[in-house]
Amino acid sequence: HKIYAAHLKTPQAREELDELSSLVKKTGPVCILCYERDHRHCHRQWIAEIIEERERVKVQNLVARQV
């Protein structure tokens, strides 16, 4: 997690987060996808929390049914 935390502080990551924030402002809900089944074990949760804080939106995690 240290590596990803450091990455989020880079100019590239900040630019990409700004782009995602802009998209949320323009279009409303967006979907962030990943291969990790549980959002609590995935880096996308960090992104979701940042956008939630920046844009004052509520993040909703969609979970597939077990088959």
PDB file of N, CA and C in Angstrom:
ATOM      1  N   HIS A   1       0.808  -1.202   0.000  1.00  0.00           N
ATOM      2  CA  HIS A   1       0.000   0.000   0.000  1.00  0.00           C
ATOM      3  C   HIS A   1       0.854   1.271   0.000  1.00  0.00           C
ATOM      4  N   LYS A   2       2.067   1.173   0.499  1.00  0.00           N
ATOM      5  CA  LYS A   2       2.949   2.343   0.536  1.00  0.00           C
ATOM      6  C   LYS A   2       3.258   2.842  -0.874  1.00  0.00           C
ATOM      7  N   ILE A   3       3.460   1.902  -1.785  1.00  0.00           N
ATOM      8  CA  ILE A   3       3.788   2.274  -3.160  1.00  0.00           C
ATOM      9  C   ILE A   3       2.608   3.010  -3.797  1.00  0.00           C
ATOM     10  N   TYR A   4       1.403   2.495  -3.600  1.00  0.00           N
ATOM     11  CA  TYR A   4       0.225   3.134  -4.194  1.00  0.00           C
ATOM     12  C   TYR A   4      -0.045   4.487  -3.545  1.00  0.00           C
ATOM     13  N   ALA A   5       0.141   4.584  -2.248  1.00  0.00           N
ATOM     14  CA  ALA A   5      -0.035   5.862  -1.546  1.00  0.00           C
ATOM     15  C   ALA A   5       0.937   6.896  -2.107  1.00  0.00           C
ATOM     16  N   ALA A   6       2.163   6.475  -2.373  1.00  0.00           N
ATOM     17  CA  ALA A   6       3.152   7.382  -2.956  1.00  0.00           C
ATOM     18  C   ALA A   6       2.746   7.776  -4.376  1.00  0.00           C
ATOM     19  N   HIS A   7       2.227   6.818  -5.124  1.00  0.00           N
ATOM     20  CA  HIS A   7       1.784   7.102  -6.495  1.00  0.00           C
ATOM     21  C   HIS A   7       0.674   8.154  -6.511  1.00  0.00           C
ATOM     22  N   LEU A   8      -0.246   8.082  -5.565  1.00  0.00           N
ATOM     23  CA  LEU A   8      -1.362   9.032  -5.532  1.00  0.00           C
ATOM     24  C   LEU A   8      -0.907  10.473  -5.319  1.00  0.00           C
ATOM     25  N   LYS A   9       0.323  10.654  -4.883  1.00  0.00           N
ATOM     26  CA  LYS A   9       0.863  12.001  -4.664  1.00  0.00           C
ATOM     27  C   LYS A   9       1.597  12.544  -5.892  1.00  0.00           C
ATOM     28  N   THR A  10       1.726  11.731  -6.923  1.00  0.00           N
ATOM     29  CA  THR A  10       2.459  12.162  -8.115  1.00  0.00           C
ATOM     30  C   THR A  10       1.605  13.106  -8.961  1.00  0.00           C
ATOM     31  N   PRO A  11       2.260  13.946  -9.763  1.00  0.00           N
ATOM     32  CA  PRO A  11       1.510  14.835 -10.657  1.00  0.00           C
ATOM     33  C   PRO A  11       0.577  14.068 -11.605  1.00  0.00           C
ATOM     34  N   GLN A  12       1.038  12.934 -12.110  1.00  0.00           N
ATOM     35  CA  GLN A  12       0.209  12.139 -13.020  1.00  0.00           C
ATOM     36  C   GLN A  12      -1.068  11.680 -12.325  1.00  0.00           C
ATOM     37  N   ALA A  13      -0.946  11.167 -11.114  1.00  0.00           N
ATOM     38  CA  ALA A  13      -2.120  10.689 -10.383  1.00  0.00           C
ATOM     39  C   ALA A  13      -3.057  11.847 -10.058  1.00  0.00           C
ATOM     40  N   ARG A  14      -2.499  12.972  -9.657  1.00  0.00           N
ATOM     41  CA  ARG A  14      -3.341  14.140  -9.350  1.00  0.00           C
ATOM     42  C   ARG A  14      -4.102  14.595 -10.595  1.00  0.00           C
ATOM     43  N   GLU A  15      -3.432  14.564 -11.729  1.00  0.00           N
ATOM     44  CA  GLU A  15      -4.078  14.939 -12.993  1.00  0.00           C
ATOM     45  C   GLU A  15      -5.223  13.975 -13.323  1.00  0.00           C
ATOM     46  N   GLU A  16      -4.981  12.691 -13.128  1.00  0.00           N
ATOM     47  CA  GLU A  16      -6.012  11.692 -13.411  1.00  0.00           C
ATOM     48  C   GLU A  16      -7.178  11.808 -12.434  1.00  0.00           C
ATOM     49  N   LEU A  17      -6.897  12.100 -11.175  1.00  0.00           N
ATOM     50  CA  LEU A  17      -7.967  12.314 -10.198  1.00  0.00           C
ATOM     51  C   LEU A  17      -8.768  13.568 -10.545  1.00  0.00           C
ATOM     52  N   ASP A  18      -8.083  14.602 -11.021  1.00  0.00           N
ATOM     53  CA  ASP A  18      -8.779  15.819 -11.466  1.00  0.00           C
ATOM     54  C   ASP A  18      -9.709  15.507 -12.632  1.00  0.00           C
ATOM     55  N   GLU A  19      -9.232  14.667 -13.545  1.00  0.00           N
ATOM     56  CA  GLU A  19     -10.047  14.275 -14.699  1.00  0.00           C
ATOM     57  C   GLU A  19     -11.287  13.501 -14.246  1.00  0.00           C
ATOM     58  N   LEU A  20     -11.112  12.592 -13.307  1.00  0.00           N
ATOM     59  CA  LEU A  20     -12.246  11.831 -12.788  1.00  0.00           C
ATOM     60  C   LEU A  20     -13.217  12.748 -12.048  1.00  0.00           C
ATOM     61  N   SER A  21     -12.702  13.675 -11.259  1.00  0.00           N
ATOM     62  CA  SER A  21     -13.555  14.646 -10.567  1.00  0.00           C
ATOM     63  C   SER A  21     -14.371  15.446 -11.571  1.00  0.00           C
ATOM     64  N   SER A  22     -13.731  15.876 -12.631  1.00  0.00           N
ATOM     65  CA  SER A  22     -14.407  16.644 -13.673  1.00  0.00           C
ATOM     66  C   SER A  22     -15.519  15.825 -14.324  1.00  0.00           C
ATOM     67  N   LEU A  23     -15.241  14.568 -14.581  1.00  0.00           N
ATOM     68  CA  LEU A  23     -16.241  13.680 -15.172  1.00  0.00           C
ATOM     69  C   LEU A  23     -17.443  13.523 -14.247  1.00  0.00           C
ATOM     70  N   VAL A  24     -17.192  13.354 -12.965  1.00  0.00           N
ATOM     71  CA  VAL A  24     -18.278  13.216 -11.988  1.00  0.00           C
ATOM     72  C   VAL A  24     -19.128  14.488 -11.971  1.00  0.00           C
ATOM     73  N   LYS A  25     -18.480  15.644 -12.008  1.00  0.00           N
ATOM     74  CA  LYS A  25     -19.212  16.920 -12.017  1.00  0.00           C
ATOM     75  C   LYS A  25     -20.082  17.046 -13.263  1.00  0.00           C
ATOM     76  N   LYS A  26     -19.537  16.648 -14.418  1.00  0.00           N
ATOM     77  CA  LYS A  26     -20.245  16.806 -15.690  1.00  0.00           C
ATOM     78  C   LYS A  26     -21.376  15.810 -15.875  1.00  0.00           C
ATOM     79  N   THR A  27     -21.099  14.551 -15.576  1.00  0.00           N
ATOM     80  CA  THR A  27     -22.032  13.491 -15.956  1.00  0.00           C
ATOM     81  C   THR A  27     -22.798  12.867 -14.807  1.00  0.00           C
ATOM     82  N   GLY A  28     -22.354  13.084 -13.598  1.00  0.00           N
ATOM     83  CA  GLY A  28     -22.996  12.407 -12.474  1.00  0.00           C
ATOM     84  C   GLY A  28     -22.301  11.084 -12.208  1.00  0.00           C
ATOM     85  N   PRO A  29     -23.066  10.060 -11.869  1.00  0.00           N
ATOM     86  CA  PRO A  29     -22.467   8.785 -11.462  1.00  0.00           C
ATOM     87  C   PRO A  29     -21.508   8.197 -12.496  1.00  0.00           C
ATOM     88  N   VAL A  30     -20.411   7.657 -11.995  1.00  0.00           N
ATOM     89  CA  VAL A  30     -19.438   6.943 -12.820  1.00  0.00           C
ATOM     90  C   VAL A  30     -19.185   5.589 -12.172  1.00  0.00           C
ATOM     91  N   CYS A  31     -18.585   4.690 -12.920  1.00  0.00           N
ATOM     92  CA  CYS A  31     -18.297   3.354 -12.408  1.00  0.00           C
ATOM     93  C   CYS A  31     -16.794   3.111 -12.493  1.00  0.00           C
ATOM     94  N   ILE A  32     -16.204   2.719 -11.378  1.00  0.00           N
ATOM     95  CA  ILE A  32     -14.778   2.389 -11.327  1.00  0.00           C
ATOM     96  C   ILE A  32     -14.689   0.869 -11.205  1.00  0.00           C
ATOM     97  N   LEU A  33     -14.007   0.244 -12.138  1.00  0.00           N
ATOM     98  CA  LEU A  33     -13.942  -1.216 -12.162  1.00  0.00           C
ATOM     99  C   LEU A  33     -12.552  -1.734 -11.837  1.00  0.00           C
ATOM    100  N   CYS A  34     -12.527  -2.970 -11.337  1.00  0.00           N
ATOM    101  CA  CYS A  34     -11.271  -3.639 -11.031  1.00  0.00           C
ATOM    102  C   CYS A  34     -11.522  -5.147 -10.992  1.00  0.00           C
ATOM    103  N   TYR A  35     -10.463  -5.913 -11.042  1.00  0.00           N
ATOM    104  CA  TYR A  35     -10.593  -7.367 -10.948  1.00  0.00           C
ATOM    105  C   TYR A  35     -10.830  -7.837  -9.520  1.00  0.00           C
ATOM    106  N   GLU A  36     -10.452  -7.045  -8.554  1.00  0.00           N
ATOM    107  CA  GLU A  36     -10.595  -7.429  -7.145  1.00  0.00           C
ATOM    108  C   GLU A  36     -12.075  -7.497  -6.793  1.00  0.00           C
ATOM    109  N   ARG A  37     -12.522  -8.621  -6.280  1.00  0.00           N
ATOM    110  CA  ARG A  37     -13.944  -8.808  -5.969  1.00  0.00           C
ATOM    111  C   ARG A  37     -14.400  -7.907  -4.831  1.00  0.00           C
ATOM    112  N   ASP A  38     -13.621  -7.828  -3.770  1.00  0.00           N
ATOM    113  CA  ASP A  38     -14.011  -7.068  -2.577  1.00  0.00           C
ATOM    114  C   ASP A  38     -13.380  -5.679  -2.621  1.00  0.00           C
ATOM    115  N   HIS A  39     -14.212  -4.648  -2.682  1.00  0.00           N
ATOM    116  CA  HIS A  39     -13.708  -3.276  -2.784  1.00  0.00           C
ATOM    117  C   HIS A  39     -12.835  -2.880  -1.599  1.00  0.00           C
ATOM    118  N   ARG A  40     -13.015  -3.531  -0.466  1.00  0.00           N
ATOM    119  CA  ARG A  40     -12.211  -3.189   0.720  1.00  0.00           C
ATOM    120  C   ARG A  40     -10.765  -3.645   0.584  1.00  0.00           C
ATOM    121  N   HIS A  41     -10.504  -4.514  -0.375  1.00  0.00           N
ATOM    122  CA  HIS A  41      -9.147  -5.020  -0.599  1.00  0.00           C
ATOM    123  C   HIS A  41      -8.566  -4.499  -1.902  1.00  0.00           C
ATOM    124  N   CYS A  42      -9.134  -3.422  -2.411  1.00  0.00           N
ATOM    125  CA  CYS A  42      -8.739  -2.930  -3.724  1.00  0.00           C
ATOM    126  C   CYS A  42      -8.353  -1.456  -3.664  1.00  0.00           C
ATOM    127  N   HIS A  43      -7.429  -1.079  -4.511  1.00  0.00           N
ATOM    128  CA  HIS A  43      -6.997   0.315  -4.562  1.00  0.00           C
ATOM    129  C   HIS A  43      -8.090   1.243  -5.074  1.00  0.00           C
ATOM    130  N   ARG A  44      -9.077   0.690  -5.787  1.00  0.00           N
ATOM    131  CA  ARG A  44     -10.155   1.559  -6.266  1.00  0.00           C
ATOM    132  C   ARG A  44     -10.922   2.175  -5.108  1.00  0.00           C
ATOM    133  N   GLN A  45     -10.899   1.540  -3.941  1.00  0.00           N
ATOM    134  CA  GLN A  45     -11.556   2.106  -2.758  1.00  0.00           C
ATOM    135  C   GLN A  45     -10.901   3.431  -2.385  1.00  0.00           C
ATOM    136  N   TRP A  46      -9.584   3.509  -2.520  1.00  0.00           N
ATOM    137  CA  TRP A  46      -8.871   4.763  -2.218  1.00  0.00           C
ATOM    138  C   TRP A  46      -9.332   5.858  -3.172  1.00  0.00           C
ATOM    139  N   ILE A  47      -9.444   5.513  -4.450  1.00  0.00           N
ATOM    140  CA  ILE A  47      -9.895   6.478  -5.460  1.00  0.00           C
ATOM    141  C   ILE A  47     -11.315   6.932  -5.130  1.00  0.00           C
ATOM    142  N   ALA A  48     -12.172   5.979  -4.813  1.00  0.00           N
ATOM    143  CA  ALA A  48     -13.563   6.304  -4.487  1.00  0.00           C
ATOM    144  C   ALA A  48     -13.640   7.252  -3.293  1.00  0.00           C
ATOM    145  N   GLU A  49     -12.843   7.000  -2.278  1.00  0.00           N
ATOM    146  CA  GLU A  49     -12.861   7.860  -1.090  1.00  0.00           C
ATOM    147  C   GLU A  49     -12.366   9.273  -1.406  1.00  0.00           C
ATOM    148  N   ILE A  50     -11.367   9.376  -2.268  1.00  0.00           N
ATOM    149  CA  ILE A  50     -10.860  10.696  -2.659  1.00  0.00           C
ATOM    150  C   ILE A  50     -11.949  11.469  -3.402  1.00  0.00           C
ATOM    151  N   ILE A  51     -12.605  10.819  -4.356  1.00  0.00           N
ATOM    152  CA  ILE A  51     -13.663  11.482  -5.129  1.00  0.00           C
ATOM    153  C   ILE A  51     -14.847  11.821  -4.227  1.00  0.00           C
ATOM    154  N   GLU A  52     -15.162  10.930  -3.321  1.00  0.00           N
ATOM    155  CA  GLU A  52     -16.252  11.166  -2.370  1.00  0.00           C
ATOM    156  C   GLU A  52     -15.982  12.441  -1.561  1.00  0.00           C
ATOM    157  N   GLU A  53     -14.771  12.584  -1.096  1.00  0.00           N
ATOM    158  CA  GLU A  53     -14.394  13.749  -0.296  1.00  0.00           C
ATOM    159  C   GLU A  53     -14.344  15.020  -1.149  1.00  0.00           C
ATOM    160  N   ARG A  54     -13.742  14.916  -2.317  1.00  0.00           N
ATOM    161  CA  ARG A  54     -13.603  16.084  -3.202  1.00  0.00           C
ATOM    162  C   ARG A  54     -14.953  16.621  -3.678  1.00  0.00           C
ATOM    163  N   GLU A  55     -15.808  15.720  -4.111  1.00  0.00           N
ATOM    164  CA  GLU A  55     -17.047  16.110  -4.793  1.00  0.00           C
ATOM    165  C   GLU A  55     -18.294  16.025  -3.917  1.00  0.00           C
ATOM    166  N   ARG A  56     -18.101  15.609  -2.680  1.00  0.00           N
ATOM    167  CA  ARG A  56     -19.233  15.481  -1.753  1.00  0.00           C
ATOM    168  C   ARG A  56     -20.329  14.587  -2.341  1.00  0.00           C
ATOM    169  N   VAL A  57     -19.901  13.459  -2.888  1.00  0.00           N
ATOM    170  CA  VAL A  57     -20.830  12.472  -3.430  1.00  0.00           C
ATOM    171  C   VAL A  57     -20.753  11.216  -2.577  1.00  0.00           C
ATOM    172  N   LYS A  58     -21.748  10.370  -2.703  1.00  0.00           N
ATOM    173  CA  LYS A  58     -21.758   9.118  -1.962  1.00  0.00           C
ATOM    174  C   LYS A  58     -21.341   7.993  -2.904  1.00  0.00           C
ATOM    175  N   VAL A  59     -20.408   7.202  -2.454  1.00  0.00           N
ATOM    176  CA  VAL A  59     -19.947   6.050  -3.234  1.00  0.00           C
ATOM    177  C   VAL A  59     -20.815   4.850  -2.890  1.00  0.00           C
ATOM    178  N   GLN A  60     -21.234   4.145  -3.916  1.00  0.00           N
ATOM    179  CA  GLN A  60     -22.012   2.928  -3.725  1.00  0.00           C
ATOM    180  C   GLN A  60     -21.247   1.788  -4.382  1.00  0.00           C
ATOM    181  N   ASN A  61     -20.946   0.767  -3.613  1.00  0.00           N
ATOM    182  CA  ASN A  61     -20.228  -0.390  -4.141  1.00  0.00           C
ATOM    183  C   ASN A  61     -21.229  -1.429  -4.618  1.00  0.00           C
ATOM    184  N   LEU A  62     -21.049  -1.877  -5.842  1.00  0.00           N
ATOM    185  CA  LEU A  62     -21.915  -2.892  -6.432  1.00  0.00           C
ATOM    186  C   LEU A  62     -21.225  -4.240  -6.288  1.00  0.00           C
ATOM    187  N   VAL A  63     -21.940  -5.197  -5.769  1.00  0.00           N
ATOM    188  CA  VAL A  63     -21.356  -6.512  -5.508  1.00  0.00           C
ATOM    189  C   VAL A  63     -22.165  -7.573  -6.248  1.00  0.00           C
ATOM    190  N   ALA A  64     -21.470  -8.434  -6.970  1.00  0.00           N
ATOM    191  CA  ALA A  64     -22.135  -9.514  -7.699  1.00  0.00           C
ATOM    192  C   ALA A  64     -22.589 -10.599  -6.731  1.00  0.00           C
ATOM    193  N   ARG A  65     -23.666 -11.246  -7.105  1.00  0.00           N
ATOM    194  CA  ARG A  65     -24.144 -12.378  -6.309  1.00  0.00           C
ATOM    195  C   ARG A  65     -23.172 -13.543  -6.430  1.00  0.00           C
ATOM    196  N   GLN A  66     -23.081 -14.323  -5.371  1.00  0.00           N
ATOM    197  CA  GLN A  66     -22.270 -15.547  -5.417  1.00  0.00           C
ATOM    198  C   GLN A  66     -22.989 -16.568  -6.286  1.00  0.00           C
ATOM    199  N   VAL A  67     -22.236 -17.273  -7.105  1.00  0.00           N
ATOM    200  CA  VAL A  67     -22.840 -18.285  -7.962  1.00  0.00           C
ATOM    201  C   VAL A  67     -22.409 -19.643  -7.519  1.00  0.00           C
TER     202      VAL A  67
END
